[in-house]
């Protein structure tokens, strides 16, 4: 008899839980309904004097940015790079020395072991190439060991390049 009594208690408990759940659901539905509005709750007033088609802002070219670049600001931004690069001639760290890198052949720093991705690149490091590389190293040299995500701000890149140019003088 006690087994039947336990079964009845369990079924009764489940039934009461379902009834309570249903009552709370009905109460919540009554409180939180999407009745919709006949009129907007607020009116957006448009400024008739505001220009409708604003002219697109023209970004300065890389040459303009480089011409107005600040090497001292570039030195500040370069602090991120110091974790892996040195600027003293011939002194390497995780990455090669960047002393006189502007105008130097790619993957040519004496005494540094370059990745296959860099060894496959040809030509010299021009300001434009450095800009493209530090904007997104992984897409510029696929497979590079450089894990840096890139410097997104074009003005910061120009400042860093101006700083690097000042190192080779």
Protein backbone atom coordinates (compact mmCIF):
# COMPACT_ATOMS: atom_id res chain seq x y z
CA UNK A 1 0.00 0.00 0.00
CA UNK A 2 2.85 2.37 0.72
CA UNK A 3 4.14 2.03 -2.89
CA UNK A 4 0.74 3.11 -4.23
CA UNK A 5 0.65 6.01 -1.79
CA UNK A 6 4.08 7.24 -2.95
CA UNK A 7 2.95 7.01 -6.59
CA UNK A 8 -0.20 9.05 -5.86
CA UNK A 9 1.87 11.71 -4.08
CA UNK A 10 4.23 12.01 -7.06
CA UNK A 11 1.37 12.29 -9.57
CA UNK A 12 -0.38 14.80 -7.33
CA UNK A 13 2.80 16.89 -7.03
CA UNK A 14 3.28 16.93 -10.81
CA UNK A 15 -0.38 17.96 -11.33
CA UNK A 16 -0.09 20.80 -8.82
CA UNK A 17 3.16 21.97 -10.48
CA UNK A 18 1.44 22.01 -13.90
CA UNK A 19 -1.51 23.98 -12.52
CA UNK A 20 0.79 26.53 -10.83
CA UNK A 21 2.90 26.87 -14.00
CA UNK A 22 -0.24 27.43 -16.10
CA UNK A 23 -1.57 30.09 -13.68
CA UNK A 24 1.75 31.98 -13.71
CA UNK A 25 1.89 31.77 -17.48
CA UNK A 26 -1.63 33.24 -17.78
CA UNK A 27 -0.77 36.03 -15.33
CA UNK A 28 2.45 36.88 -17.18
CA UNK A 29 0.64 36.87 -20.53
CA UNK A 30 -1.86 39.34 -19.17
CA UNK A 31 0.86 41.65 -17.83
CA UNK A 32 3.28 41.51 -20.75
CA UNK A 33 1.40 41.60 -24.01
CA UNK A 34 2.30 43.24 -27.28
CA UNK A 35 -0.81 45.29 -27.76
CA UNK A 36 0.66 47.51 -30.46
CA UNK A 37 0.16 51.25 -30.64
CA UNK A 38 -2.31 53.16 -32.77
CA UNK A 39 0.12 56.09 -32.90
CA UNK A 40 3.90 56.23 -32.35
CA UNK A 41 4.92 56.74 -28.75
CA UNK A 42 7.21 59.58 -29.82
CA UNK A 43 7.67 61.61 -32.97
CA UNK A 44 11.05 62.03 -34.69
CA UNK A 45 11.43 65.60 -35.87
CA UNK A 46 13.72 65.87 -38.87
CA UNK A 47 15.84 68.95 -39.32
CA UNK A 48 14.88 70.38 -42.69
CA UNK A 49 18.06 72.46 -42.84
CA UNK A 50 20.35 69.47 -42.39
CA UNK A 51 22.16 68.37 -45.54
CA UNK A 52 20.62 65.22 -46.93
CA UNK A 53 23.59 64.00 -48.95
CA UNK A 54 26.76 64.82 -47.10
CA UNK A 55 29.85 64.69 -49.26
CA UNK A 56 32.04 61.70 -48.47
CA UNK A 57 35.05 62.53 -46.38
CA UNK A 58 38.12 62.05 -48.52
CA UNK A 59 40.86 60.15 -46.75
CA UNK A 60 44.37 61.55 -47.15
CA UNK A 61 46.70 59.51 -49.35
CA UNK A 62 49.62 57.59 -47.90
CA UNK A 63 52.04 60.11 -49.42
CA UNK A 64 50.21 62.97 -47.66
CA UNK A 65 50.24 61.09 -44.36
CA UNK A 66 53.94 60.28 -44.68
CA UNK A 67 54.78 63.90 -45.57
CA UNK A 68 53.08 65.10 -42.38
CA UNK A 69 54.22 62.17 -40.22
CA UNK A 70 55.84 62.79 -36.84
CA UNK A 71 58.83 60.54 -36.04
CA UNK A 72 58.56 61.23 -32.30
CA UNK A 73 54.91 60.11 -32.35
CA UNK A 74 56.06 57.10 -34.35
CA UNK A 75 58.60 56.28 -31.64
CA UNK A 76 55.75 56.22 -29.11
CA UNK A 77 53.66 53.91 -31.29
CA UNK A 78 56.75 51.76 -31.94
CA UNK A 79 56.77 50.77 -28.25
CA UNK A 80 54.38 47.95 -29.21
CA UNK A 81 57.02 46.68 -31.66
CA UNK A 82 59.87 46.75 -29.14
CA UNK A 83 58.65 43.50 -27.62
CA UNK A 84 60.05 41.70 -30.68
CA UNK A 85 62.28 44.18 -32.56
CA UNK A 86 65.42 46.13 -31.74
CA UNK A 87 66.50 49.30 -33.50
CA UNK A 88 70.22 49.04 -32.86
CA UNK A 89 72.25 48.01 -35.89
CA UNK A 90 72.74 44.23 -36.03
CA UNK A 91 70.92 43.60 -32.74
CA UNK A 92 68.11 41.09 -33.23
CA UNK A 93 65.41 39.82 -30.89
CA UNK A 94 62.44 37.61 -31.79
CA UNK A 95 62.25 39.72 -34.95
CA UNK A 96 65.08 41.28 -36.96
CA UNK A 97 66.73 44.60 -36.21
CA UNK A 98 64.82 47.42 -37.87
CA UNK A 99 67.81 49.74 -38.06
CA UNK A 100 67.90 51.23 -41.59
CA UNK A 101 65.04 48.96 -42.69
CA UNK A 102 63.62 51.53 -45.13
CA UNK A 103 65.37 50.89 -48.44
CA UNK A 104 66.87 47.58 -47.30
CA UNK A 105 66.20 44.35 -49.21
CA UNK A 106 63.45 42.21 -47.68
CA UNK A 107 64.77 39.41 -45.45
CA UNK A 108 68.34 40.71 -45.60
CA UNK A 109 69.27 41.63 -42.01
CA UNK A 110 72.63 39.98 -41.42
CA UNK A 111 72.51 37.21 -38.83
CA UNK A 112 68.73 36.78 -38.62
CA UNK A 113 66.97 33.51 -39.51
CA UNK A 114 63.90 34.50 -41.56
CA UNK A 115 60.75 32.43 -42.06
CA UNK A 116 60.02 30.86 -45.45
CA UNK A 117 57.28 33.47 -45.97
CA UNK A 118 59.83 36.28 -45.84
CA UNK A 119 62.45 34.46 -47.85
CA UNK A 120 59.88 34.15 -50.66
CA UNK A 121 59.41 37.94 -50.81
CA UNK A 122 61.60 39.96 -53.15
CA UNK A 123 62.45 43.63 -53.48
CA UNK A 124 63.17 46.26 -50.90
CA UNK A 125 61.31 47.75 -47.98
CA UNK A 126 59.80 50.95 -49.37
CA UNK A 127 57.58 53.09 -47.13
CA UNK A 128 54.56 51.82 -49.08
CA UNK A 129 55.53 48.17 -48.57
CA UNK A 130 56.17 48.71 -44.88
CA UNK A 131 52.77 50.39 -44.61
CA UNK A 132 51.05 47.44 -46.26
CA UNK A 133 52.97 44.98 -44.11
CA UNK A 134 52.38 46.58 -40.70
CA UNK A 135 48.70 47.13 -41.55
CA UNK A 136 48.21 43.34 -41.70
CA UNK A 137 51.37 41.20 -41.51
CA UNK A 138 49.55 37.89 -41.95
CA UNK A 139 47.90 38.86 -45.22
CA UNK A 140 51.05 40.54 -46.60
CA UNK A 141 53.35 37.57 -45.91
CA UNK A 142 51.19 34.46 -45.50
CA UNK A 143 52.84 32.05 -43.12
CA UNK A 144 55.02 34.64 -41.41
CA UNK A 145 56.10 33.86 -37.87
CA UNK A 146 55.12 37.41 -36.88
CA UNK A 147 52.03 37.12 -34.69
CA UNK A 148 51.26 40.85 -34.51
CA UNK A 149 47.70 41.52 -35.71
CA UNK A 150 48.58 44.80 -37.41
CA UNK A 151 48.41 48.52 -36.87
CA UNK A 152 45.02 49.68 -38.16
CA UNK A 153 45.41 53.47 -37.94
CA UNK A 154 47.01 54.84 -41.15
CA UNK A 155 48.35 57.95 -39.39
CA UNK A 156 50.06 55.81 -36.74
CA UNK A 157 51.59 53.66 -39.47
CA UNK A 158 52.94 56.74 -41.23
CA UNK A 159 54.40 57.98 -37.94
CA UNK A 160 56.10 54.62 -37.32
CA UNK A 161 57.53 54.62 -40.85
CA UNK A 162 58.84 58.18 -40.34
CA UNK A 163 60.49 56.95 -37.13
CA UNK A 164 62.02 53.97 -38.93
CA UNK A 165 63.30 56.28 -41.68
CA UNK A 166 64.97 58.44 -39.04
CA UNK A 167 66.87 55.40 -37.71
CA UNK A 168 68.75 54.81 -40.94
CA UNK A 169 70.04 58.35 -41.32
